Amino acid sequence: MTARHHILSRRYWIFDLDGTLTIPVHDFPAIRVALGMGESDTDILQFLASLPPDEAAIRRARLIRIEYELADRTAAAPGAGQLLDRLLRRGARVGILTRNTREIALHTLGLIGLKGYFTSDAILGRDEAAPKPHPEGIGKLLAVWGGAPDETVMVGDYLFDLQVGRAAGAATIHVDRSGAFRWPELADLSVSTLEELAEAMPGEAFG
């Protein structure tokens, strides 16, 4: 069995949401400006965590409004449904680990027609686990499933997704429609689209 086939045959699949299962609509520099961060490239969640509680609450509320607005503008990434169909037909377990809130994730999944693929306990946001790249969320999902890291794949479009997979001991798949693949040292596999990933998926079911 090739390394690629071994990864694609794994049973537990965890996905980033925004920009991975959805088409990308987030303009993070603009979000930082809207939150009063100026042109800083500081991580948004770390910035909010550094503020006094009252100020953090105000800006978190502003961030949530922005995130709902963005959710209303997105759509499912090409191949997302096809990939999830193939995984579930094989008996795989699928989950989402997002730096968004769980409520917005559920709202987004409903809008883009993918909500039915995921059980409610398999969607974790920034309030259910330490935000990526901390591996707590992957650990929590595997505890629910009874799975192990070496049976798991983390799929995402950004650095934090690859870092969290590495930190948890899971295989990592980088989805980058630009084809730049900026972090090759962190990705076990790299694909331009979820369609490409779905077409490569082995057909056999788990025993």
N, C-alpha and C. Protein backbone atom coordinates (compact mmCIF):
# COMPACT_ATOMS: atom_id res chain seq x y z
N MET A 1 0.85 -1.19 0.00
CA MET A 1 0.00 0.00 0.00
C MET A 1 0.90 1.25 0.00
N THR A 2 0.66 2.15 -0.92
CA THR A 2 1.45 3.37 -0.97
C THR A 2 1.08 4.28 0.19
N ALA A 3 1.99 5.24 0.49
CA ALA A 3 1.71 6.18 1.58
C ALA A 3 0.45 6.97 1.28
N ARG A 4 0.25 7.37 0.02
CA ARG A 4 -0.95 8.13 -0.36
C ARG A 4 -2.21 7.31 -0.11
N HIS A 5 -2.18 6.05 -0.54
CA HIS A 5 -3.36 5.18 -0.35
C HIS A 5 -3.61 4.95 1.13
N HIS A 6 -2.54 4.79 1.91
CA HIS A 6 -2.69 4.57 3.35
C HIS A 6 -3.40 5.77 4.00
N ILE A 7 -3.02 6.98 3.60
CA ILE A 7 -3.65 8.17 4.17
C ILE A 7 -5.11 8.26 3.75
N LEU A 8 -5.38 8.06 2.47
CA LEU A 8 -6.75 8.18 1.98
C LEU A 8 -7.66 7.07 2.50
N SER A 9 -7.08 5.98 2.99
CA SER A 9 -7.87 4.87 3.53
C SER A 9 -8.18 5.03 5.01
N ARG A 10 -7.72 6.10 5.62
CA ARG A 10 -7.97 6.28 7.06
C ARG A 10 -9.46 6.49 7.34
N ARG A 11 -9.82 6.18 8.57
CA ARG A 11 -11.24 6.12 8.93
C ARG A 11 -11.80 7.44 9.47
N TYR A 12 -10.96 8.27 10.04
CA TYR A 12 -11.44 9.47 10.73
C TYR A 12 -10.94 10.72 10.00
N TRP A 13 -11.89 11.56 9.58
CA TRP A 13 -11.58 12.72 8.77
C TRP A 13 -12.11 13.99 9.43
N ILE A 14 -11.21 14.92 9.65
CA ILE A 14 -11.55 16.19 10.29
C ILE A 14 -11.26 17.32 9.30
N PHE A 15 -12.24 18.19 9.12
CA PHE A 15 -12.14 19.25 8.13
C PHE A 15 -12.16 20.62 8.79
N ASP A 16 -11.33 21.50 8.29
CA ASP A 16 -11.55 22.92 8.48
C ASP A 16 -12.82 23.29 7.71
N LEU A 17 -13.45 24.40 8.08
CA LEU A 17 -14.68 24.79 7.39
C LEU A 17 -14.43 25.90 6.36
N ASP A 18 -14.13 27.11 6.83
CA ASP A 18 -14.05 28.27 5.93
C ASP A 18 -12.83 28.18 5.01
N GLY A 19 -13.08 28.20 3.72
CA GLY A 19 -12.01 28.11 2.74
C GLY A 19 -11.62 26.69 2.39
N THR A 20 -12.17 25.72 3.13
CA THR A 20 -11.90 24.31 2.84
C THR A 20 -13.17 23.64 2.33
N LEU A 21 -14.18 23.52 3.19
CA LEU A 21 -15.48 23.01 2.73
C LEU A 21 -16.30 24.10 2.05
N THR A 22 -15.91 25.36 2.24
CA THR A 22 -16.58 26.48 1.57
C THR A 22 -15.60 27.16 0.61
N ILE A 23 -16.15 27.93 -0.32
CA ILE A 23 -15.28 28.79 -1.11
C ILE A 23 -14.79 29.91 -0.21
N PRO A 24 -13.56 30.37 -0.38
CA PRO A 24 -13.00 31.39 0.52
C PRO A 24 -13.61 32.76 0.29
N VAL A 25 -14.08 33.38 1.37
CA VAL A 25 -14.62 34.74 1.29
C VAL A 25 -14.02 35.66 2.36
N HIS A 26 -13.23 35.11 3.26
CA HIS A 26 -12.70 35.90 4.36
C HIS A 26 -11.54 36.79 3.89
N ASP A 27 -11.66 38.07 4.17
CA ASP A 27 -10.58 39.04 3.94
C ASP A 27 -10.03 39.39 5.32
N PHE A 28 -9.01 38.66 5.76
CA PHE A 28 -8.55 38.81 7.14
C PHE A 28 -7.94 40.18 7.42
N PRO A 29 -7.19 40.80 6.50
CA PRO A 29 -6.73 42.17 6.76
C PRO A 29 -7.89 43.13 6.99
N ALA A 30 -8.98 43.00 6.22
CA ALA A 30 -10.14 43.87 6.40
C ALA A 30 -10.83 43.59 7.74
N ILE A 31 -10.87 42.33 8.15
CA ILE A 31 -11.46 41.99 9.44
C ILE A 31 -10.66 42.61 10.57
N ARG A 32 -9.34 42.54 10.46
CA ARG A 32 -8.49 43.14 11.49
C ARG A 32 -8.73 44.64 11.60
N VAL A 33 -8.85 45.31 10.48
CA VAL A 33 -9.13 46.75 10.49
C VAL A 33 -10.47 47.01 11.15
N ALA A 34 -11.48 46.21 10.82
CA ALA A 34 -12.82 46.39 11.40
C ALA A 34 -12.83 46.18 12.90
N LEU A 35 -11.89 45.37 13.39
CA LEU A 35 -11.81 45.10 14.83
C LEU A 35 -10.89 46.08 15.55
N GLY A 36 -10.38 47.05 14.81
CA GLY A 36 -9.51 48.04 15.43
C GLY A 36 -8.09 47.59 15.61
N MET A 37 -7.67 46.59 14.84
CA MET A 37 -6.31 46.08 14.94
C MET A 37 -5.36 46.79 13.98
N GLY A 38 -5.89 47.68 13.16
CA GLY A 38 -5.06 48.35 12.17
C GLY A 38 -4.55 47.37 11.14
N GLU A 39 -3.31 47.53 10.73
CA GLU A 39 -2.72 46.66 9.72
C GLU A 39 -1.86 45.58 10.34
N SER A 40 -2.05 45.34 11.63
CA SER A 40 -1.31 44.29 12.32
C SER A 40 -1.63 42.93 11.70
N ASP A 41 -0.62 42.06 11.67
CA ASP A 41 -0.87 40.69 11.21
C ASP A 41 -1.02 39.72 12.38
N THR A 42 -1.26 40.27 13.57
CA THR A 42 -1.48 39.45 14.76
C THR A 42 -2.69 38.54 14.57
N ASP A 43 -2.62 37.34 15.10
CA ASP A 43 -3.76 36.43 15.06
C ASP A 43 -4.95 37.07 15.76
N ILE A 44 -6.10 37.03 15.11
CA ILE A 44 -7.29 37.72 15.62
C ILE A 44 -7.72 37.17 16.98
N LEU A 45 -7.77 35.87 17.13
CA LEU A 45 -8.23 35.30 18.40
C LEU A 45 -7.25 35.57 19.53
N GLN A 46 -5.96 35.57 19.22
CA GLN A 46 -4.97 35.91 20.24
C GLN A 46 -5.11 37.37 20.65
N PHE A 47 -5.36 38.23 19.68
CA PHE A 47 -5.57 39.66 19.97
C PHE A 47 -6.76 39.84 20.90
N LEU A 48 -7.87 39.20 20.60
CA LEU A 48 -9.07 39.34 21.44
C LEU A 48 -8.81 38.81 22.85
N ALA A 49 -8.07 37.72 22.93
CA ALA A 49 -7.78 37.14 24.25
C ALA A 49 -6.89 38.04 25.09
N SER A 50 -6.15 38.94 24.45
CA SER A 50 -5.24 39.82 25.18
C SER A 50 -5.92 41.06 25.74
N LEU A 51 -7.18 41.31 25.34
CA LEU A 51 -7.86 42.54 25.74
C LEU A 51 -8.51 42.40 27.11
N PRO A 52 -8.77 43.51 27.79
CA PRO A 52 -9.58 43.47 29.01
C PRO A 52 -10.96 42.88 28.70
N PRO A 53 -11.57 42.20 29.66
CA PRO A 53 -12.81 41.47 29.38
C PRO A 53 -13.91 42.30 28.73
N ASP A 54 -14.16 43.51 29.20
CA ASP A 54 -15.24 44.32 28.63
C ASP A 54 -14.96 44.67 27.17
N GLU A 55 -13.72 45.07 26.90
CA GLU A 55 -13.35 45.43 25.53
C GLU A 55 -13.36 44.20 24.63
N ALA A 56 -12.90 43.07 25.16
CA ALA A 56 -12.91 41.84 24.37
C ALA A 56 -14.33 41.45 23.99
N ALA A 57 -15.28 41.60 24.90
CA ALA A 57 -16.66 41.23 24.63
C ALA A 57 -17.24 42.07 23.50
N ILE A 58 -16.94 43.36 23.50
CA ILE A 58 -17.43 44.25 22.44
C ILE A 58 -16.89 43.82 21.08
N ARG A 59 -15.59 43.54 21.04
CA ARG A 59 -14.98 43.21 19.76
C ARG A 59 -15.33 41.79 19.31
N ARG A 60 -15.55 40.89 20.27
CA ARG A 60 -16.00 39.55 19.89
C ARG A 60 -17.39 39.62 19.26
N ALA A 61 -18.25 40.46 19.81
CA ALA A 61 -19.58 40.62 19.23
C ALA A 61 -19.48 41.19 17.82
N ARG A 62 -18.56 42.11 17.62
CA ARG A 62 -18.36 42.67 16.28
C ARG A 62 -17.85 41.59 15.33
N LEU A 63 -16.92 40.76 15.81
CA LEU A 63 -16.39 39.68 14.98
C LEU A 63 -17.50 38.70 14.60
N ILE A 64 -18.37 38.37 15.52
CA ILE A 64 -19.46 37.44 15.22
C ILE A 64 -20.38 38.01 14.16
N ARG A 65 -20.68 39.31 14.22
CA ARG A 65 -21.51 39.93 13.18
C ARG A 65 -20.84 39.81 11.81
N ILE A 66 -19.54 40.06 11.78
CA ILE A 66 -18.80 39.94 10.52
C ILE A 66 -18.85 38.50 10.01
N GLU A 67 -18.67 37.55 10.91
CA GLU A 67 -18.64 36.15 10.50
C GLU A 67 -20.00 35.69 9.96
N TYR A 68 -21.08 36.16 10.54
CA TYR A 68 -22.40 35.82 9.99
C TYR A 68 -22.58 36.43 8.60
N GLU A 69 -22.12 37.66 8.42
CA GLU A 69 -22.22 38.30 7.11
C GLU A 69 -21.43 37.51 6.06
N LEU A 70 -20.25 37.04 6.44
CA LEU A 70 -19.44 36.25 5.51
C LEU A 70 -20.09 34.91 5.21
N ALA A 71 -20.67 34.29 6.23
CA ALA A 71 -21.34 33.01 6.01
C ALA A 71 -22.45 33.14 4.98
N ASP A 72 -23.15 34.24 5.00
CA ASP A 72 -24.26 34.44 4.07
C ASP A 72 -23.78 34.64 2.63
N ARG A 73 -22.48 34.87 2.45
CA ARG A 73 -21.95 35.12 1.11
C ARG A 73 -21.22 33.92 0.52
N THR A 74 -21.07 32.87 1.27
CA THR A 74 -20.24 31.76 0.78
C THR A 74 -21.09 30.67 0.16
N ALA A 75 -20.42 29.63 -0.32
CA ALA A 75 -21.06 28.47 -0.93
C ALA A 75 -20.17 27.26 -0.69
N ALA A 76 -20.70 26.09 -0.93
CA ALA A 76 -19.89 24.88 -0.78
C ALA A 76 -18.76 24.87 -1.79
N ALA A 77 -17.60 24.43 -1.36
CA ALA A 77 -16.47 24.29 -2.27
C ALA A 77 -16.77 23.19 -3.28
N PRO A 78 -16.36 23.35 -4.53
CA PRO A 78 -16.56 22.29 -5.51
C PRO A 78 -15.98 20.97 -5.03
N GLY A 79 -16.79 19.93 -5.10
CA GLY A 79 -16.35 18.61 -4.69
C GLY A 79 -16.60 18.27 -3.23
N ALA A 80 -17.06 19.24 -2.43
CA ALA A 80 -17.25 18.97 -1.00
C ALA A 80 -18.28 17.88 -0.76
N GLY A 81 -19.43 18.00 -1.39
CA GLY A 81 -20.46 16.98 -1.21
C GLY A 81 -20.04 15.63 -1.76
N GLN A 82 -19.38 15.64 -2.90
CA GLN A 82 -18.89 14.41 -3.51
C GLN A 82 -17.92 13.69 -2.59
N LEU A 83 -16.99 14.44 -2.00
CA LEU A 83 -16.01 13.84 -1.10
C LEU A 83 -16.69 13.28 0.15
N LEU A 84 -17.57 14.05 0.75
CA LEU A 84 -18.25 13.59 1.96
C LEU A 84 -19.11 12.37 1.68
N ASP A 85 -19.77 12.34 0.52
CA ASP A 85 -20.55 11.17 0.12
C ASP A 85 -19.67 9.92 0.08
N ARG A 86 -18.52 10.06 -0.54
CA ARG A 86 -17.64 8.90 -0.69
C ARG A 86 -17.10 8.44 0.65
N LEU A 87 -16.76 9.38 1.51
CA LEU A 87 -16.27 9.01 2.83
C LEU A 87 -17.34 8.28 3.64
N LEU A 88 -18.54 8.81 3.65
CA LEU A 88 -19.60 8.18 4.45
C LEU A 88 -20.01 6.84 3.87
N ARG A 89 -19.97 6.69 2.56
CA ARG A 89 -20.28 5.38 1.96
C ARG A 89 -19.26 4.33 2.37
N ARG A 90 -18.03 4.75 2.63
CA ARG A 90 -16.99 3.83 3.08
C ARG A 90 -17.07 3.56 4.57
N GLY A 91 -17.92 4.28 5.28
CA GLY A 91 -18.01 4.08 6.73
C GLY A 91 -17.10 4.97 7.53
N ALA A 92 -16.55 6.01 6.92
CA ALA A 92 -15.68 6.93 7.64
C ALA A 92 -16.49 7.79 8.60
N ARG A 93 -15.82 8.32 9.62
CA ARG A 93 -16.41 9.32 10.50
C ARG A 93 -15.86 10.68 10.09
N VAL A 94 -16.73 11.68 10.04
CA VAL A 94 -16.30 13.01 9.59
C VAL A 94 -16.68 14.06 10.63
N GLY A 95 -15.79 15.04 10.80
CA GLY A 95 -16.04 16.12 11.75
C GLY A 95 -15.47 17.42 11.25
N ILE A 96 -15.77 18.48 11.97
CA ILE A 96 -15.28 19.81 11.63
C ILE A 96 -14.61 20.42 12.85
N LEU A 97 -13.44 21.00 12.63
CA LEU A 97 -12.74 21.77 13.66
C LEU A 97 -12.48 23.15 13.07
N THR A 98 -13.14 24.16 13.61
CA THR A 98 -13.09 25.50 13.05
C THR A 98 -12.71 26.52 14.12
N ARG A 99 -12.05 27.59 13.68
CA ARG A 99 -11.78 28.71 14.57
C ARG A 99 -12.97 29.67 14.63
N ASN A 100 -14.01 29.37 13.89
CA ASN A 100 -15.26 30.10 13.99
C ASN A 100 -16.03 29.59 15.21
N THR A 101 -17.20 30.13 15.49
CA THR A 101 -18.02 29.56 16.55
C THR A 101 -18.80 28.37 16.01
N ARG A 102 -19.18 27.48 16.89
CA ARG A 102 -19.97 26.32 16.48
C ARG A 102 -21.30 26.76 15.88
N GLU A 103 -21.91 27.79 16.45
CA GLU A 103 -23.21 28.26 15.97
C GLU A 103 -23.10 28.77 14.54
N ILE A 104 -22.04 29.52 14.25
CA ILE A 104 -21.86 30.02 12.89
C ILE A 104 -21.52 28.88 11.95
N ALA A 105 -20.76 27.90 12.43
CA ALA A 105 -20.46 26.73 11.60
C ALA A 105 -21.75 26.01 11.21
N LEU A 106 -22.64 25.80 12.17
CA LEU A 106 -23.92 25.15 11.87
C LEU A 106 -24.74 25.98 10.88
N HIS A 107 -24.75 27.29 11.08
CA HIS A 107 -25.46 28.20 10.18
C HIS A 107 -24.89 28.08 8.76
N THR A 108 -23.56 28.10 8.66
CA THR A 108 -22.91 28.01 7.36
C THR A 108 -23.22 26.68 6.68
N LEU A 109 -23.09 25.58 7.42
CA LEU A 109 -23.36 24.26 6.85
C LEU A 109 -24.80 24.16 6.34
N GLY A 110 -25.73 24.76 7.07
CA GLY A 110 -27.11 24.75 6.60
C GLY A 110 -27.29 25.52 5.31
N LEU A 111 -26.62 26.66 5.21
CA LEU A 111 -26.74 27.49 4.01
C LEU A 111 -26.15 26.81 2.79
N ILE A 112 -25.06 26.07 2.97
CA ILE A 112 -24.37 25.49 1.81
C ILE A 112 -24.77 24.04 1.55
N GLY A 113 -25.71 23.52 2.32
CA GLY A 113 -26.25 22.20 2.04
C GLY A 113 -25.41 21.02 2.51
N LEU A 114 -24.52 21.25 3.48
CA LEU A 114 -23.65 20.17 3.96
C LEU A 114 -23.94 19.76 5.40
N LYS A 115 -24.92 20.35 6.03
CA LYS A 115 -25.16 20.10 7.45
C LYS A 115 -25.49 18.64 7.73
N GLY A 116 -26.17 17.98 6.81
CA GLY A 116 -26.60 16.61 7.04
C GLY A 116 -25.48 15.59 7.08
N TYR A 117 -24.29 15.98 6.68
CA TYR A 117 -23.17 15.04 6.70
C TYR A 117 -22.54 14.89 8.08
N PHE A 118 -22.84 15.79 8.99
CA PHE A 118 -22.12 15.84 10.27
C PHE A 118 -23.09 15.69 11.44
N THR A 119 -22.72 14.86 12.41
CA THR A 119 -23.48 14.79 13.65
C THR A 119 -23.14 16.01 14.50
N SER A 120 -24.06 16.39 15.37
CA SER A 120 -23.87 17.63 16.13
C SER A 120 -22.65 17.58 17.03
N ASP A 121 -22.29 16.40 17.55
CA ASP A 121 -21.14 16.30 18.45
C ASP A 121 -19.81 16.26 17.70
N ALA A 122 -19.86 16.31 16.37
CA ALA A 122 -18.64 16.26 15.56
C ALA A 122 -18.30 17.61 14.95
N ILE A 123 -18.89 18.68 15.49
CA ILE A 123 -18.59 20.03 15.02
C ILE A 123 -18.11 20.84 16.21
N LEU A 124 -16.84 21.19 16.19
CA LEU A 124 -16.25 21.93 17.31
C LEU A 124 -15.76 23.29 16.83
N GLY A 125 -16.13 24.34 17.58
CA GLY A 125 -15.67 25.69 17.29
C GLY A 125 -14.71 26.17 18.35
N ARG A 126 -14.44 27.46 18.32
CA ARG A 126 -13.42 28.02 19.21
C ARG A 126 -13.84 28.04 20.67
N ASP A 127 -15.12 27.83 20.96
CA ASP A 127 -15.57 27.80 22.35
C ASP A 127 -15.62 26.39 22.91
N GLU A 128 -15.54 25.38 22.05
CA GLU A 128 -15.58 23.99 22.51
C GLU A 128 -14.18 23.41 22.73
N ALA A 129 -13.18 24.02 22.12
CA ALA A 129 -11.81 23.54 22.26
C ALA A 129 -10.87 24.70 22.01
N ALA A 130 -9.66 24.60 22.53
CA ALA A 130 -8.66 25.63 22.27
C ALA A 130 -8.49 25.79 20.77
N PRO A 131 -8.47 27.02 20.26
CA PRO A 131 -8.42 27.22 18.80
C PRO A 131 -7.18 26.60 18.17
N LYS A 132 -7.35 26.13 16.94
CA LYS A 132 -6.20 25.69 16.16
C LYS A 132 -5.15 26.79 16.14
N PRO A 133 -3.86 26.43 16.23
CA PRO A 133 -3.27 25.10 16.02
C PRO A 133 -3.15 24.22 17.27
N HIS A 134 -3.79 24.58 18.37
CA HIS A 134 -3.77 23.70 19.54
C HIS A 134 -4.54 22.41 19.20
N PRO A 135 -4.00 21.24 19.55
CA PRO A 135 -4.61 19.98 19.13
C PRO A 135 -5.77 19.49 19.99
N GLU A 136 -6.22 20.29 20.95
CA GLU A 136 -7.28 19.81 21.85
C GLU A 136 -8.52 19.36 21.09
N GLY A 137 -8.90 20.11 20.06
CA GLY A 137 -10.13 19.77 19.32
C GLY A 137 -10.05 18.42 18.66
N ILE A 138 -8.91 18.10 18.06
CA ILE A 138 -8.76 16.78 17.44
C ILE A 138 -8.86 15.70 18.51
N GLY A 139 -8.22 15.94 19.66
CA GLY A 139 -8.31 14.97 20.74
C GLY A 139 -9.74 14.74 21.20
N LYS A 140 -10.52 15.80 21.28
CA LYS A 140 -11.92 15.66 21.70
C LYS A 140 -12.74 14.86 20.69
N LEU A 141 -12.54 15.13 19.39
CA LEU A 141 -13.28 14.38 18.38
C LEU A 141 -12.90 12.91 18.41
N LEU A 142 -11.63 12.62 18.54
CA LEU A 142 -11.21 11.22 18.57
C LEU A 142 -11.71 10.51 19.82
N ALA A 143 -11.85 11.24 20.92
CA ALA A 143 -12.40 10.63 22.13
C ALA A 143 -13.85 10.23 21.92
N VAL A 144 -14.61 11.07 21.22
CA VAL A 144 -16.01 10.75 20.91
C VAL A 144 -16.09 9.54 19.98
N TRP A 145 -15.21 9.49 19.01
CA TRP A 145 -15.24 8.42 18.01
C TRP A 145 -14.56 7.13 18.46
N GLY A 146 -13.71 7.22 19.46
CA GLY A 146 -12.91 6.07 19.83
C GLY A 146 -11.79 5.80 18.84
N GLY A 147 -11.29 6.87 18.21
CA GLY A 147 -10.26 6.74 17.20
C GLY A 147 -8.89 7.13 17.72
N ALA A 148 -7.88 6.91 16.88
CA ALA A 148 -6.50 7.23 17.22
C ALA A 148 -5.92 8.16 16.18
N PRO A 149 -4.91 8.95 16.53
CA PRO A 149 -4.31 9.89 15.57
C PRO A 149 -3.80 9.23 14.30
N ASP A 150 -3.24 8.01 14.41
CA ASP A 150 -2.69 7.37 13.22
C ASP A 150 -3.76 6.78 12.31
N GLU A 151 -5.04 6.97 12.69
CA GLU A 151 -6.17 6.59 11.84
C GLU A 151 -6.87 7.84 11.29
N THR A 152 -6.27 9.02 11.49
CA THR A 152 -6.97 10.28 11.30
C THR A 152 -6.30 11.15 10.24
N VAL A 153 -7.15 11.92 9.55
CA VAL A 153 -6.69 12.89 8.56
C VAL A 153 -7.26 14.26 8.92
N MET A 154 -6.42 15.29 8.87
CA MET A 154 -6.86 16.67 9.02
C MET A 154 -6.74 17.36 7.67
N VAL A 155 -7.85 17.96 7.20
CA VAL A 155 -7.89 18.58 5.89
C VAL A 155 -8.15 20.07 6.05
N GLY A 156 -7.30 20.90 5.45
CA GLY A 156 -7.52 22.34 5.57
C GLY A 156 -6.77 23.13 4.53
N ASP A 157 -7.07 24.42 4.50
CA ASP A 157 -6.49 25.31 3.48
C ASP A 157 -5.44 26.25 4.04
N TYR A 158 -5.20 26.20 5.37
CA TYR A 158 -4.32 27.21 5.94
C TYR A 158 -3.30 26.57 6.89
N LEU A 159 -2.32 27.37 7.24
CA LEU A 159 -1.22 26.92 8.09
C LEU A 159 -1.72 26.28 9.38
N PHE A 160 -2.68 26.92 10.07
CA PHE A 160 -3.15 26.39 11.36
C PHE A 160 -3.72 24.98 11.22
N ASP A 161 -4.35 24.69 10.08
CA ASP A 161 -4.93 23.37 9.87
C ASP A 161 -3.85 22.31 9.78
N LEU A 162 -2.78 22.64 9.09
CA LEU A 162 -1.67 21.70 8.96
C LEU A 162 -0.91 21.56 10.28
N GLN A 163 -0.74 22.68 10.98
CA GLN A 163 -0.05 22.62 12.27
C GLN A 163 -0.83 21.80 13.29
N VAL A 164 -2.15 21.94 13.31
CA VAL A 164 -2.93 21.21 14.31
C VAL A 164 -2.90 19.71 14.00
N GLY A 165 -2.94 19.36 12.72
CA GLY A 165 -2.83 17.96 12.37
C GLY A 165 -1.50 17.36 12.82
N ARG A 166 -0.42 18.08 12.54
CA ARG A 166 0.90 17.63 12.96
C ARG A 166 0.98 17.50 14.49
N ALA A 167 0.46 18.51 15.19
CA ALA A 167 0.53 18.50 16.65
C ALA A 167 -0.23 17.33 17.25
N ALA A 168 -1.31 16.91 16.58
CA ALA A 168 -2.12 15.81 17.09
C ALA A 168 -1.62 14.44 16.64
N GLY A 169 -0.68 14.41 15.70
CA GLY A 169 -0.19 13.14 15.19
C GLY A 169 -1.02 12.56 14.06
N ALA A 170 -1.87 13.41 13.45
CA ALA A 170 -2.70 12.97 12.32
C ALA A 170 -1.99 13.25 11.00
N ALA A 171 -2.45 12.60 9.94
CA ALA A 171 -1.99 12.95 8.60
C ALA A 171 -2.64 14.28 8.20
N THR A 172 -1.97 15.01 7.32
CA THR A 172 -2.48 16.32 6.91
C THR A 172 -2.62 16.40 5.39
N ILE A 173 -3.73 17.02 4.95
CA ILE A 173 -3.96 17.27 3.54
C ILE A 173 -4.20 18.76 3.34
N HIS A 174 -3.39 19.38 2.51
CA HIS A 174 -3.49 20.80 2.23
C HIS A 174 -4.30 21.00 0.95
N VAL A 175 -5.38 21.76 1.05
CA VAL A 175 -6.20 22.11 -0.11
C VAL A 175 -5.89 23.56 -0.48
N ASP A 176 -5.36 23.78 -1.66
CA ASP A 176 -4.96 25.13 -2.06
C ASP A 176 -5.29 25.33 -3.53
N ARG A 177 -6.37 26.04 -3.79
CA ARG A 177 -6.81 26.22 -5.18
C ARG A 177 -5.81 27.03 -6.00
N SER A 178 -4.93 27.79 -5.33
CA SER A 178 -3.93 28.56 -6.06
C SER A 178 -2.77 27.69 -6.54
N GLY A 179 -2.61 26.53 -5.92
CA GLY A 179 -1.50 25.65 -6.27
C GLY A 179 -0.17 26.08 -5.71
N ALA A 180 -0.15 27.07 -4.82
CA ALA A 180 1.11 27.56 -4.26
C ALA A 180 1.69 26.61 -3.22
N PHE A 181 0.82 25.96 -2.43
CA PHE A 181 1.23 24.97 -1.42
C PHE A 181 2.41 25.50 -0.60
N ARG A 182 2.11 26.50 0.21
CA ARG A 182 3.16 27.26 0.89
C ARG A 182 3.85 26.52 2.03
N TRP A 183 3.26 25.44 2.52
CA TRP A 183 3.83 24.76 3.69
C TRP A 183 4.05 23.27 3.40
N PRO A 184 4.87 22.95 2.42
CA PRO A 184 5.02 21.54 2.03
C PRO A 184 5.56 20.65 3.14
N GLU A 185 6.32 21.23 4.06
CA GLU A 185 6.89 20.43 5.15
C GLU A 185 5.82 19.99 6.15
N LEU A 186 4.64 20.60 6.09
CA LEU A 186 3.56 20.27 7.03
C LEU A 186 2.45 19.44 6.40
N ALA A 187 2.53 19.21 5.09
CA ALA A 187 1.45 18.52 4.39
C ALA A 187 1.91 17.14 3.92
N ASP A 188 1.14 16.12 4.26
CA ASP A 188 1.42 14.78 3.74
C ASP A 188 0.93 14.64 2.31
N LEU A 189 -0.20 15.29 2.01
CA LEU A 189 -0.72 15.33 0.64
C LEU A 189 -1.16 16.76 0.36
N SER A 190 -1.10 17.15 -0.92
CA SER A 190 -1.56 18.48 -1.33
C SER A 190 -2.44 18.33 -2.56
N VAL A 191 -3.60 18.99 -2.55
CA VAL A 191 -4.52 18.96 -3.69
C VAL A 191 -5.02 20.36 -3.96
N SER A 192 -5.41 20.61 -5.19
CA SER A 192 -5.94 21.92 -5.54
C SER A 192 -7.41 22.06 -5.21
N THR A 193 -8.15 20.96 -5.23
CA THR A 193 -9.60 21.00 -4.98
C THR A 193 -10.04 19.75 -4.23
N LEU A 194 -11.22 19.85 -3.62
CA LEU A 194 -11.80 18.67 -2.99
C LEU A 194 -12.27 17.67 -4.04
N GLU A 195 -12.58 18.14 -5.25
CA GLU A 195 -12.92 17.22 -6.33
C GLU A 195 -11.76 16.28 -6.61
N GLU A 196 -10.55 16.84 -6.66
CA GLU A 196 -9.36 16.03 -6.88
C GLU A 196 -9.21 14.98 -5.78
N LEU A 197 -9.48 15.39 -4.55
CA LEU A 197 -9.38 14.48 -3.42
C LEU A 197 -10.44 13.39 -3.50
N ALA A 198 -11.66 13.76 -3.86
CA ALA A 198 -12.76 12.79 -3.96
C ALA A 198 -12.46 11.74 -5.03
N GLU A 199 -11.91 12.18 -6.14
CA GLU A 199 -11.62 11.26 -7.23
C GLU A 199 -10.51 10.28 -6.89
N ALA A 200 -9.63 10.68 -5.97
CA ALA A 200 -8.52 9.81 -5.56
C ALA A 200 -8.92 8.84 -4.45
N MET A 201 -10.10 9.00 -3.90
CA MET A 201 -10.50 8.23 -2.73
C MET A 201 -10.68 6.74 -3.08
N PRO A 202 -10.09 5.85 -2.31
CA PRO A 202 -10.30 4.42 -2.55
C PRO A 202 -11.75 4.04 -2.31
N GLY A 203 -12.19 3.00 -2.99
CA GLY A 203 -13.60 2.66 -2.94
C GLY A 203 -14.00 1.67 -1.86
N GLU A 204 -13.04 0.96 -1.28
CA GLU A 204 -13.40 -0.11 -0.35
C GLU A 204 -13.96 0.44 0.95
N ALA A 205 -14.90 -0.30 1.53
CA ALA A 205 -15.49 0.10 2.81
C ALA A 205 -14.69 -0.50 3.96
N PHE A 206 -14.88 0.04 5.15
CA PHE A 206 -14.24 -0.50 6.33
C PHE A 206 -14.98 -1.76 6.78
N GLY A 207 -14.24 -2.66 7.39
CA GLY A 207 -14.85 -3.87 7.90
C GLY A 207 -15.55 -3.64 9.22
